[in-house]
Full PDB file with SEQRES, HELIX, SHEET, SSBOND, CRYST1, ORIGX, SCALE, CONECT and MASTER records, all heavy atoms in Angstrom:
SEQRES   1 A   36  HIS HIS LYS HIS SER TYR TYR LEU ILE ARG ASN GLY ASP          
SEQRES   2 A   36  LEU LEU GLY TYR THR GLU SER GLU ILE GLU ILE ILE ALA          
SEQRES   3 A   36  ASN LEU ALA ARG TYR HIS ARG ARG SER PRO                      
HELIX    1 AA1 HIS A    2  ARG A   10  1                                   9    
HELIX    2 AA2 GLU A   19  ARG A   30  1                                  12    
CRYST1    1.000    1.000    1.000  90.00  90.00  90.00 P 1           1          
ORIGX1      1.000000  0.000000  0.000000        0.00000                         
ORIGX2      0.000000  1.000000  0.000000        0.00000                         
ORIGX3      0.000000  0.000000  1.000000        0.00000                         
SCALE1      1.000000  0.000000  0.000000        0.00000                         
SCALE2      0.000000  1.000000  0.000000        0.00000                         
SCALE3      0.000000  0.000000  1.000000        0.00000                         
ATOM      1  N   HIS A   1      90.509 114.217  98.799  1.00  0.00           N  
ATOM      2  CA  HIS A   1      90.794 112.987  99.550  1.00  0.00           C  
ATOM      3  C   HIS A   1      90.851 111.762  98.641  1.00  0.00           C  
ATOM      4  O   HIS A   1      91.509 110.764  98.970  1.00  0.00           O  
ATOM      5  CB  HIS A   1      89.789 112.785 100.683  1.00  0.00           C  
ATOM      6  CG  HIS A   1      88.408 112.417 100.243  1.00  0.00           C  
ATOM      7  ND1 HIS A   1      87.423 113.336 100.026  1.00  0.00           N  
ATOM      8  CD2 HIS A   1      87.850 111.201  99.993  1.00  0.00           C  
ATOM      9  CE1 HIS A   1      86.316 112.725  99.651  1.00  0.00           C  
ATOM     10  NE2 HIS A   1      86.535 111.426  99.622  1.00  0.00           N  
ATOM     11  N   HIS A   2      90.166 111.811  97.481  1.00  0.00           N  
ATOM     12  CA  HIS A   2      90.224 110.675  96.554  1.00  0.00           C  
ATOM     13  C   HIS A   2      91.639 110.458  96.025  1.00  0.00           C  
ATOM     14  O   HIS A   2      92.070 109.325  95.827  1.00  0.00           O  
ATOM     15  CB  HIS A   2      89.238 110.873  95.395  1.00  0.00           C  
ATOM     16  CG  HIS A   2      89.387 112.166  94.660  1.00  0.00           C  
ATOM     17  ND1 HIS A   2      89.243 113.398  95.266  1.00  0.00           N  
ATOM     18  CD2 HIS A   2      89.686 112.430  93.359  1.00  0.00           C  
ATOM     19  CE1 HIS A   2      89.436 114.360  94.374  1.00  0.00           C  
ATOM     20  NE2 HIS A   2      89.711 113.798  93.207  1.00  0.00           N  
ATOM     21  N   LYS A   3      92.374 111.570  95.830  1.00  0.00           N  
ATOM     22  CA  LYS A   3      93.766 111.463  95.379  1.00  0.00           C  
ATOM     23  C   LYS A   3      94.657 110.921  96.506  1.00  0.00           C  
ATOM     24  O   LYS A   3      95.573 110.135  96.266  1.00  0.00           O  
ATOM     25  CB  LYS A   3      94.287 112.817  94.905  1.00  0.00           C  
ATOM     26  CG  LYS A   3      93.552 113.348  93.671  1.00  0.00           C  
ATOM     27  CD  LYS A   3      94.085 114.712  93.257  1.00  0.00           C  
ATOM     28  CE  LYS A   3      93.302 115.260  92.065  1.00  0.00           C  
ATOM     29  NZ  LYS A   3      93.783 116.612  91.678  1.00  0.00           N  
ATOM     30  N   HIS A   4      94.368 111.348  97.721  1.00  0.00           N  
ATOM     31  CA  HIS A   4      95.123 110.828  98.866  1.00  0.00           C  
ATOM     32  C   HIS A   4      94.842 109.335  99.064  1.00  0.00           C  
ATOM     33  O   HIS A   4      95.732 108.569  99.456  1.00  0.00           O  
ATOM     34  CB  HIS A   4      94.778 111.600 100.137  1.00  0.00           C  
ATOM     35  CG  HIS A   4      95.054 113.068 100.051  1.00  0.00           C  
ATOM     36  ND1 HIS A   4      96.220 113.579  99.524  1.00  0.00           N  
ATOM     37  CD2 HIS A   4      94.298 114.148 100.421  1.00  0.00           C  
ATOM     38  CE1 HIS A   4      96.181 114.907  99.568  1.00  0.00           C  
ATOM     39  NE2 HIS A   4      95.037 115.270 100.112  1.00  0.00           N  
ATOM     40  N   SER A   5      93.596 108.937  98.799  1.00  0.00           N  
ATOM     41  CA  SER A   5      93.256 107.506  98.902  1.00  0.00           C  
ATOM     42  C   SER A   5      94.117 106.693  97.945  1.00  0.00           C  
ATOM     43  O   SER A   5      94.620 105.623  98.303  1.00  0.00           O  
ATOM     44  CB  SER A   5      91.774 107.278  98.586  1.00  0.00           C  
ATOM     45  OG  SER A   5      90.946 107.823  99.590  1.00  0.00           O  
ATOM     46  N   TYR A   6      94.279 107.200  96.729  1.00  0.00           N  
ATOM     47  CA  TYR A   6      95.129 106.498  95.752  1.00  0.00           C  
ATOM     48  C   TYR A   6      96.535 106.299  96.326  1.00  0.00           C  
ATOM     49  O   TYR A   6      97.075 105.190  96.307  1.00  0.00           O  
ATOM     50  CB  TYR A   6      95.222 107.271  94.434  1.00  0.00           C  
ATOM     51  CG  TYR A   6      96.275 106.695  93.498  1.00  0.00           C  
ATOM     52  CD1 TYR A   6      95.974 105.613  92.674  1.00  0.00           C  
ATOM     53  CD2 TYR A   6      97.583 107.186  93.489  1.00  0.00           C  
ATOM     54  CE1 TYR A   6      96.937 105.049  91.851  1.00  0.00           C  
ATOM     55  CE2 TYR A   6      98.550 106.628  92.679  1.00  0.00           C  
ATOM     56  CZ  TYR A   6      98.227 105.557  91.858  1.00  0.00           C  
ATOM     57  OH  TYR A   6      99.196 104.987  91.070  1.00  0.00           O  
ATOM     58  N   TYR A   7      97.098 107.368  96.856  1.00  0.00           N  
ATOM     59  CA  TYR A   7      98.476 107.308  97.359  1.00  0.00           C  
ATOM     60  C   TYR A   7      98.597 106.330  98.531  1.00  0.00           C  
ATOM     61  O   TYR A   7      99.522 105.504  98.570  1.00  0.00           O  
ATOM     62  CB  TYR A   7      98.929 108.698  97.795  1.00  0.00           C  
ATOM     63  CG  TYR A   7     100.304 108.702  98.421  1.00  0.00           C  
ATOM     64  CD1 TYR A   7     101.447 108.712  97.637  1.00  0.00           C  
ATOM     65  CD2 TYR A   7     100.457 108.658  99.809  1.00  0.00           C  
ATOM     66  CE1 TYR A   7     102.711 108.686  98.207  1.00  0.00           C  
ATOM     67  CE2 TYR A   7     101.710 108.621 100.388  1.00  0.00           C  
ATOM     68  CZ  TYR A   7     102.835 108.638  99.574  1.00  0.00           C  
ATOM     69  OH  TYR A   7     104.081 108.585 100.145  1.00  0.00           O  
ATOM     70  N   LEU A   8      97.676 106.404  99.478  1.00  0.00           N  
ATOM     71  CA  LEU A   8      97.757 105.530 100.662  1.00  0.00           C  
ATOM     72  C   LEU A   8      97.592 104.061 100.292  1.00  0.00           C  
ATOM     73  O   LEU A   8      98.293 103.195 100.825  1.00  0.00           O  
ATOM     74  CB  LEU A   8      96.693 105.937 101.690  1.00  0.00           C  
ATOM     75  CG  LEU A   8      96.901 107.292 102.381  1.00  0.00           C  
ATOM     76  CD1 LEU A   8      95.741 107.596 103.318  1.00  0.00           C  
ATOM     77  CD2 LEU A   8      98.227 107.325 103.139  1.00  0.00           C  
ATOM     78  N   ILE A   9      96.664 103.766  99.381  1.00  0.00           N  
ATOM     79  CA  ILE A   9      96.470 102.374  98.972  1.00  0.00           C  
ATOM     80  C   ILE A   9      97.669 101.879  98.179  1.00  0.00           C  
ATOM     81  O   ILE A   9      98.171 100.770  98.401  1.00  0.00           O  
ATOM     82  CB  ILE A   9      95.179 102.232  98.137  1.00  0.00           C  
ATOM     83  CG1 ILE A   9      93.954 102.555  98.993  1.00  0.00           C  
ATOM     84  CG2 ILE A   9      95.058 100.824  97.549  1.00  0.00           C  
ATOM     85  CD1 ILE A   9      92.663 102.732  98.198  1.00  0.00           C  
ATOM     86  N   ARG A  10      98.136 102.716  97.280  1.00  0.00           N  
ATOM     87  CA  ARG A  10      99.250 102.304  96.406  1.00  0.00           C  
ATOM     88  C   ARG A  10     100.516 102.022  97.204  1.00  0.00           C  
ATOM     89  O   ARG A  10     101.330 101.173  96.814  1.00  0.00           O  
ATOM     90  CB  ARG A  10      99.531 103.410  95.370  1.00  0.00           C  
ATOM     91  CG  ARG A  10     100.513 103.007  94.280  1.00  0.00           C  
ATOM     92  CD  ARG A  10      99.919 101.915  93.416  1.00  0.00           C  
ATOM     93  NE  ARG A  10     100.920 101.298  92.558  1.00  0.00           N  
ATOM     94  CZ  ARG A  10     101.743 100.339  92.905  1.00  0.00           C  
ATOM     95  NH1 ARG A  10     101.723  99.863  94.140  1.00  0.00           N  
ATOM     96  NH2 ARG A  10     102.601  99.823  92.041  1.00  0.00           N  
ATOM     97  N   ASN A  11     100.695 102.724  98.308  1.00  0.00           N  
ATOM     98  CA  ASN A  11     101.923 102.586  99.086  1.00  0.00           C  
ATOM     99  C   ASN A  11     101.687 101.945 100.450  1.00  0.00           C  
ATOM    100  O   ASN A  11     102.545 102.024 101.325  1.00  0.00           O  
ATOM    101  CB  ASN A  11     102.576 103.966  99.271  1.00  0.00           C  
ATOM    102  CG  ASN A  11     102.989 104.579  97.950  1.00  0.00           C  
ATOM    103  OD1 ASN A  11     104.005 104.208  97.375  1.00  0.00           O  
ATOM    104  ND2 ASN A  11     102.200 105.514  97.449  1.00  0.00           N  
ATOM    105  N   GLY A  12     100.541 101.287 100.613  1.00  0.00           N  
ATOM    106  CA  GLY A  12     100.167 100.777 101.928  1.00  0.00           C  
ATOM    107  C   GLY A  12     100.496  99.331 102.206  1.00  0.00           C  
ATOM    108  O   GLY A  12     100.085  98.793 103.219  1.00  0.00           O  
ATOM    109  N   ASP A  13     101.220  98.660 101.299  1.00  0.00           N  
ATOM    110  CA  ASP A  13     101.625  97.258 101.516  1.00  0.00           C  
ATOM    111  C   ASP A  13     100.442  96.332 101.807  1.00  0.00           C  
ATOM    112  O   ASP A  13     100.452  95.569 102.768  1.00  0.00           O  
ATOM    113  CB  ASP A  13     102.653  97.156 102.653  1.00  0.00           C  
ATOM    114  CG  ASP A  13     104.025  97.663 102.225  1.00  0.00           C  
ATOM    115  OD1 ASP A  13     104.397  97.424 101.063  1.00  0.00           O  
ATOM    116  OD2 ASP A  13     104.711  98.286 103.052  1.00  0.00           O  
ATOM    117  N   LEU A  14      99.398  96.407 100.966  1.00  0.00           N  
ATOM    118  CA  LEU A  14      98.305  95.442 101.085  1.00  0.00           C  
ATOM    119  C   LEU A  14      98.854  94.053 100.800  1.00  0.00           C  
ATOM    120  O   LEU A  14      99.550  93.846  99.804  1.00  0.00           O  
ATOM    121  CB  LEU A  14      97.186  95.767 100.080  1.00  0.00           C  
ATOM    122  CG  LEU A  14      96.283  96.952 100.400  1.00  0.00           C  
ATOM    123  CD1 LEU A  14      95.309  97.176  99.249  1.00  0.00           C  
ATOM    124  CD2 LEU A  14      95.526  96.742 101.699  1.00  0.00           C  
ATOM    125  N   LEU A  15      98.533  93.096 101.646  1.00  0.00           N  
ATOM    126  CA  LEU A  15      99.060  91.742 101.489  1.00  0.00           C  
ATOM    127  C   LEU A  15      98.100  90.871 100.685  1.00  0.00           C  
ATOM    128  O   LEU A  15      96.888  91.040 100.736  1.00  0.00           O  
ATOM    129  CB  LEU A  15      99.294  91.115 102.866  1.00  0.00           C  
ATOM    130  CG  LEU A  15     100.333  91.805 103.748  1.00  0.00           C  
ATOM    131  CD1 LEU A  15     100.439  91.101 105.091  1.00  0.00           C  
ATOM    132  CD2 LEU A  15     101.690  91.854 103.072  1.00  0.00           C  
ATOM    133  N   GLY A  16      98.673  89.940  99.957  1.00  0.00           N  
ATOM    134  CA  GLY A  16      97.882  88.992  99.186  1.00  0.00           C  
ATOM    135  C   GLY A  16      97.590  89.428  97.771  1.00  0.00           C  
ATOM    136  O   GLY A  16      97.023  88.670  96.992  1.00  0.00           O  
ATOM    137  N   TYR A  17      97.965  90.659  97.428  1.00  0.00           N  
ATOM    138  CA  TYR A  17      97.699  91.190  96.099  1.00  0.00           C  
ATOM    139  C   TYR A  17      99.001  91.390  95.320  1.00  0.00           C  
ATOM    140  O   TYR A  17     100.048  91.660  95.900  1.00  0.00           O  
ATOM    141  CB  TYR A  17      96.997  92.558  96.194  1.00  0.00           C  
ATOM    142  CG  TYR A  17      95.661  92.528  96.861  1.00  0.00           C  
ATOM    143  CD1 TYR A  17      95.521  92.847  98.209  1.00  0.00           C  
ATOM    144  CD2 TYR A  17      94.517  92.199  96.146  1.00  0.00           C  
ATOM    145  CE1 TYR A  17      94.278  92.837  98.825  1.00  0.00           C  
ATOM    146  CE2 TYR A  17      93.266  92.180  96.757  1.00  0.00           C  
ATOM    147  CZ  TYR A  17      93.163  92.499  98.096  1.00  0.00           C  
ATOM    148  OH  TYR A  17      91.933  92.487  98.707  1.00  0.00           O  
ATOM    149  N   THR A  18      98.891  91.300  93.990  1.00  0.00           N  
ATOM    150  CA  THR A  18     100.027  91.651  93.142  1.00  0.00           C  
ATOM    151  C   THR A  18     100.068  93.170  92.997  1.00  0.00           C  
ATOM    152  O   THR A  18      99.103  93.879  93.327  1.00  0.00           O  
ATOM    153  CB  THR A  18      99.898  91.020  91.744  1.00  0.00           C  
ATOM    154  OG1 THR A  18      98.769  91.610  91.076  1.00  0.00           O  
ATOM    155  CG2 THR A  18      99.702  89.512  91.829  1.00  0.00           C  
ATOM    156  N   GLU A  19     101.180  93.678  92.458  1.00  0.00           N  
ATOM    157  CA  GLU A  19     101.312  95.116  92.239  1.00  0.00           C  
ATOM    158  C   GLU A  19     100.217  95.630  91.300  1.00  0.00           C  
ATOM    159  O   GLU A  19      99.662  96.705  91.511  1.00  0.00           O  
ATOM    160  CB  GLU A  19     102.691  95.430  91.660  1.00  0.00           C  
ATOM    161  CG  GLU A  19     103.841  95.199  92.625  1.00  0.00           C  
ATOM    162  CD  GLU A  19     103.960  96.315  93.646  1.00  0.00           C  
ATOM    163  OE1 GLU A  19     104.379  97.417  93.286  1.00  0.00           O  
ATOM    164  OE2 GLU A  19     103.624  96.075  94.816  1.00  0.00           O  
ATOM    165  N   SER A  20      99.899  94.856  90.268  1.00  0.00           N  
ATOM    166  CA  SER A  20      98.859  95.271  89.314  1.00  0.00           C  
ATOM    167  C   SER A  20      97.503  95.362  89.996  1.00  0.00           C  
ATOM    168  O   SER A  20      96.718  96.291  89.745  1.00  0.00           O  
ATOM    169  CB  SER A  20      98.775  94.283  88.143  1.00  0.00           C  
ATOM    170  OG  SER A  20      99.974  94.283  87.407  1.00  0.00           O  
ATOM    171  N   GLU A  21      97.205  94.409  90.865  1.00  0.00           N  
ATOM    172  CA  GLU A  21      95.927  94.420  91.577  1.00  0.00           C  
ATOM    173  C   GLU A  21      95.839  95.612  92.529  1.00  0.00           C  
ATOM    174  O   GLU A  21      94.785  96.250  92.647  1.00  0.00           O  
ATOM    175  CB  GLU A  21      95.738  93.108  92.335  1.00  0.00           C  
ATOM    176  CG  GLU A  21      95.468  91.930  91.422  1.00  0.00           C  
ATOM    177  CD  GLU A  21      95.534  90.586  92.124  1.00  0.00           C  
ATOM    178  OE1 GLU A  21      96.248  90.472  93.146  1.00  0.00           O  
ATOM    179  OE2 GLU A  21      94.885  89.639  91.641  1.00  0.00           O  
ATOM    180  N   ILE A  22      96.942  95.927  93.203  1.00  0.00           N  
ATOM    181  CA  ILE A  22      96.960  97.097  94.101  1.00  0.00           C  
ATOM    182  C   ILE A  22      96.756  98.366  93.290  1.00  0.00           C  
ATOM    183  O   ILE A  22      96.039  99.287  93.711  1.00  0.00           O  
ATOM    184  CB  ILE A  22      98.283  97.145  94.904  1.00  0.00           C  
ATOM    185  CG1 ILE A  22      98.353  95.959  95.877  1.00  0.00           C  
ATOM    186  CG2 ILE A  22      98.400  98.469  95.667  1.00  0.00           C  
ATOM    187  CD1 ILE A  22      99.694  95.798  96.567  1.00  0.00           C  
ATOM    188  N   GLU A  23      97.367  98.425  92.110  1.00  0.00           N  
ATOM    189  CA  GLU A  23      97.202  99.588  91.230  1.00  0.00           C  
ATOM    190  C   GLU A  23      95.739  99.755  90.829  1.00  0.00           C  
ATOM    191  O   GLU A  23      95.207 100.876  90.790  1.00  0.00           O  
ATOM    192  CB  GLU A  23      98.080  99.435  89.987  1.00  0.00           C  
ATOM    193  CG  GLU A  23      98.221 100.682  89.144  1.00  0.00           C  
ATOM    194  CD  GLU A  23      99.072 101.757  89.799  1.00  0.00           C  
ATOM    195  OE1 GLU A  23     100.280 101.544  90.004  1.00  0.00           O  
ATOM    196  OE2 GLU A  23      98.506 102.824  90.103  1.00  0.00           O  
ATOM    197  N   ILE A  24      95.053  98.645  90.545  1.00  0.00           N  
ATOM    198  CA  ILE A  24      93.626  98.703  90.191  1.00  0.00           C  
ATOM    199  C   ILE A  24      92.804  99.200  91.378  1.00  0.00           C  
ATOM    200  O   ILE A  24      91.960 100.098  91.234  1.00  0.00           O  
ATOM    201  CB  ILE A  24      93.127  97.321  89.730  1.00  0.00           C  
ATOM    202  CG1 ILE A  24      93.710  96.969  88.350  1.00  0.00           C  
ATOM    203  CG2 ILE A  24      91.596  97.292  89.666  1.00  0.00           C  
ATOM    204  CD1 ILE A  24      93.440  95.541  87.917  1.00  0.00           C  
ATOM    205  N   ILE A  25      93.034  98.625  92.569  1.00  0.00           N  
ATOM    206  CA  ILE A  25      92.279  99.033  93.769  1.00  0.00           C  
ATOM    207  C   ILE A  25      92.478 100.528  94.028  1.00  0.00           C  
ATOM    208  O   ILE A  25      91.513 101.266  94.290  1.00  0.00           O  
ATOM    209  CB  ILE A  25      92.730  98.212  94.997  1.00  0.00           C  
ATOM    210  CG1 ILE A  25      92.362  96.732  94.823  1.00  0.00           C  
ATOM    211  CG2 ILE A  25      92.091  98.762  96.280  1.00  0.00           C  
ATOM    212  CD1 ILE A  25      93.036  95.810  95.823  1.00  0.00           C  
ATOM    213  N   ALA A  26      93.729 100.981  93.939  1.00  0.00           N  
ATOM    214  CA  ALA A  26      94.035 102.392  94.204  1.00  0.00           C  
ATOM    215  C   ALA A  26      93.346 103.299  93.183  1.00  0.00           C  
ATOM    216  O   ALA A  26      92.810 104.363  93.530  1.00  0.00           O  
ATOM    217  CB  ALA A  26      95.550 102.605  94.191  1.00  0.00           C  
ATOM    218  N   ASN A  27      93.344 102.898  91.915  1.00  0.00           N  
ATOM    219  CA  ASN A  27      92.684 103.701  90.882  1.00  0.00           C  
ATOM    220  C   ASN A  27      91.168 103.711  91.060  1.00  0.00           C  
ATOM    221  O   ASN A  27      90.523 104.740  90.839  1.00  0.00           O  
ATOM    222  CB  ASN A  27      93.057 103.183  89.492  1.00  0.00           C  
ATOM    223  CG  ASN A  27      94.302 103.854  88.925  1.00  0.00           C  
ATOM    224  OD1 ASN A  27      94.223 104.929  88.344  1.00  0.00           O  
ATOM    225  ND2 ASN A  27      95.447 103.216  89.126  1.00  0.00           N  
ATOM    226  N   LEU A  28      90.588 102.576  91.421  1.00  0.00           N  
ATOM    227  CA  LEU A  28      89.145 102.542  91.669  1.00  0.00           C  
ATOM    228  C   LEU A  28      88.767 103.537  92.770  1.00  0.00           C  
ATOM    229  O   LEU A  28      87.780 104.282  92.648  1.00  0.00           O  
ATOM    230  CB  LEU A  28      88.706 101.124  92.053  1.00  0.00           C  
ATOM    231  CG  LEU A  28      88.697 100.076  90.935  1.00  0.00           C  
ATOM    232  CD1 LEU A  28      88.391  98.691  91.513  1.00  0.00           C  
ATOM    233  CD2 LEU A  28      87.672 100.430  89.866  1.00  0.00           C  
ATOM    234  N   ALA A  29      89.550 103.537  93.848  1.00  0.00           N  
ATOM    235  CA  ALA A  29      89.288 104.480  94.939  1.00  0.00           C  
ATOM    236  C   ALA A  29      89.493 105.926  94.470  1.00  0.00           C  
ATOM    237  O   ALA A  29      88.727 106.825  94.830  1.00  0.00           O  
ATOM    238  CB  ALA A  29      90.186 104.163  96.129  1.00  0.00           C  
ATOM    239  N   ARG A  30      90.510 106.127  93.667  1.00  0.00           N  
ATOM    240  CA  ARG A  30      90.816 107.466  93.138  1.00  0.00           C  
ATOM    241  C   ARG A  30      89.632 108.037  92.349  1.00  0.00           C  
ATOM    242  O   ARG A  30      89.352 109.237  92.393  1.00  0.00           O  
ATOM    243  CB  ARG A  30      92.067 107.369  92.254  1.00  0.00           C  
ATOM    244  CG  ARG A  30      92.274 108.463  91.207  1.00  0.00           C  
ATOM    245  CD  ARG A  30      92.680 109.759  91.831  1.00  0.00           C  
ATOM    246  NE  ARG A  30      93.086 110.752  90.851  1.00  0.00           N  
ATOM    247  CZ  ARG A  30      92.234 111.560  90.188  1.00  0.00           C  
ATOM    248  NH1 ARG A  30      90.935 111.464  90.390  1.00  0.00           N  
ATOM    249  NH2 ARG A  30      92.691 112.460  89.342  1.00  0.00           N  
ATOM    250  N   TYR A  31      88.915 107.171  91.628  1.00  0.00           N  
ATOM    251  CA  TYR A  31      87.854 107.651  90.747  1.00  0.00           C  
ATOM    252  C   TYR A  31      86.448 107.427  91.309  1.00  0.00           C  
ATOM    253  O   TYR A  31      85.497 107.319  90.560  1.00  0.00           O  
ATOM    254  CB  TYR A  31      88.001 106.999  89.368  1.00  0.00           C  
ATOM    255  CG  TYR A  31      89.252 107.459  88.645  1.00  0.00           C  
ATOM    256  CD1 TYR A  31      90.263 106.556  88.309  1.00  0.00           C  
ATOM    257  CD2 TYR A  31      89.437 108.805  88.329  1.00  0.00           C  
ATOM    258  CE1 TYR A  31      91.415 106.977  87.667  1.00  0.00           C  
ATOM    259  CE2 TYR A  31      90.591 109.238  87.692  1.00  0.00           C  
ATOM    260  CZ  TYR A  31      91.574 108.326  87.364  1.00  0.00           C  
ATOM    261  OH  TYR A  31      92.718 108.754  86.735  1.00  0.00           O  
ATOM    262  N   HIS A  32      86.328 107.370  92.640  1.00  0.00           N  
ATOM    263  CA  HIS A  32      84.981 107.256  93.210  1.00  0.00           C  
ATOM    264  C   HIS A  32      84.256 108.598  93.214  1.00  0.00           C  
ATOM    265  O   HIS A  32      83.059 108.667  93.491  1.00  0.00           O  
ATOM    266  CB  HIS A  32      85.036 106.657  94.628  1.00  0.00           C  
ATOM    267  CG  HIS A  32      85.368 107.639  95.721  1.00  0.00           C  
ATOM    268  ND1 HIS A  32      86.660 107.897  96.131  1.00  0.00           N  
ATOM    269  CD2 HIS A  32      84.569 108.424  96.499  1.00  0.00           C  
ATOM    270  CE1 HIS A  32      86.645 108.792  97.104  1.00  0.00           C  
ATOM    271  NE2 HIS A  32      85.388 109.136  97.353  1.00  0.00           N  
ATOM    272  N   ARG A  33      84.982 109.670  92.883  1.00  0.00           N  
ATOM    273  CA  ARG A  33      84.384 111.005  92.839  1.00  0.00           C  
ATOM    274  C   ARG A  33      85.176 111.886  91.870  1.00  0.00           C  
ATOM    275  O   ARG A  33      86.232 111.516  91.400  1.00  0.00           O  
ATOM    276  CB  ARG A  33      84.360 111.645  94.244  1.00  0.00           C  
ATOM    277  CG  ARG A  33      85.736 111.976  94.778  1.00  0.00           C  
ATOM    278  CD  ARG A  33      85.718 112.344  96.253  1.00  0.00           C  
ATOM    279  NE  ARG A  33      85.119 113.631  96.534  1.00  0.00           N  
ATOM    280  CZ  ARG A  33      85.804 114.767  96.652  1.00  0.00           C  
ATOM    281  NH1 ARG A  33      87.126 114.782  96.487  1.00  0.00           N  
ATOM    282  NH2 ARG A  33      85.178 115.888  96.932  1.00  0.00           N  
ATOM    283  N   ARG A  34      84.609 113.033  91.602  1.00  0.00           N  
ATOM    284  CA  ARG A  34      85.210 114.034  90.733  1.00  0.00           C  
ATOM    285  C   ARG A  34      85.487 113.489  89.330  1.00  0.00           C  
ATOM    286  O   ARG A  34      84.657 112.824  88.741  1.00  0.00           O  
ATOM    287  CB  ARG A  34      86.471 114.626  91.380  1.00  0.00           C  
ATOM    288  CG  ARG A  34      86.217 115.393  92.671  1.00  0.00           C  
ATOM    289  CD  ARG A  34      85.408 116.671  92.403  1.00  0.00           C  
ATOM    290  NE  ARG A  34      85.108 117.412  93.606  1.00  0.00           N  
ATOM    291  CZ  ARG A  34      85.854 118.407  94.076  1.00  0.00           C  
ATOM    292  NH1 ARG A  34      86.974 118.745  93.441  1.00  0.00           N  
ATOM    293  NH2 ARG A  34      85.494 119.050  95.174  1.00  0.00           N  
ATOM    294  N   SER A  35      86.668 113.758  88.811  1.00  0.00           N  
ATOM    295  CA  SER A  35      86.967 113.439  87.405  1.00  0.00           C  
ATOM    296  C   SER A  35      86.910 111.940  87.122  1.00  0.00           C  
ATOM    297  O   SER A  35      87.367 111.130  87.936  1.00  0.00           O  
ATOM    298  CB  SER A  35      88.362 113.961  87.050  1.00  0.00           C  
ATOM    299  OG  SER A  35      88.796 113.445  85.808  1.00  0.00           O  
ATOM    300  N   PRO A  36      86.363 111.557  85.954  1.00  0.00           N  
ATOM    301  CA  PRO A  36      86.471 110.148  85.549  1.00  0.00           C  
ATOM    302  C   PRO A  36      87.907 109.852  85.110  1.00  0.00           C  
ATOM    303  O   PRO A  36      88.723 110.778  84.978  1.00  0.00           O  
ATOM    304  CB  PRO A  36      85.503 110.057  84.364  1.00  0.00           C  
ATOM    305  CG  PRO A  36      85.458 111.439  83.792  1.00  0.00           C  
ATOM    306  CD  PRO A  36      85.631 112.363  84.966  1.00  0.00           C  
TER     307      PRO A  36                                                      
MASTER        0    0    0    2    0    0    0    6  306    1    0    3          
END                                                                             
């Protein structure tokens, strides 16, 4: 589900953020478990 979280956040049209910021948020969620 951590990988799915990355995909949903990255493609979820979060408003108020730049593309780079969305990429950071998605990666942070991606790495909350399993592999660093």
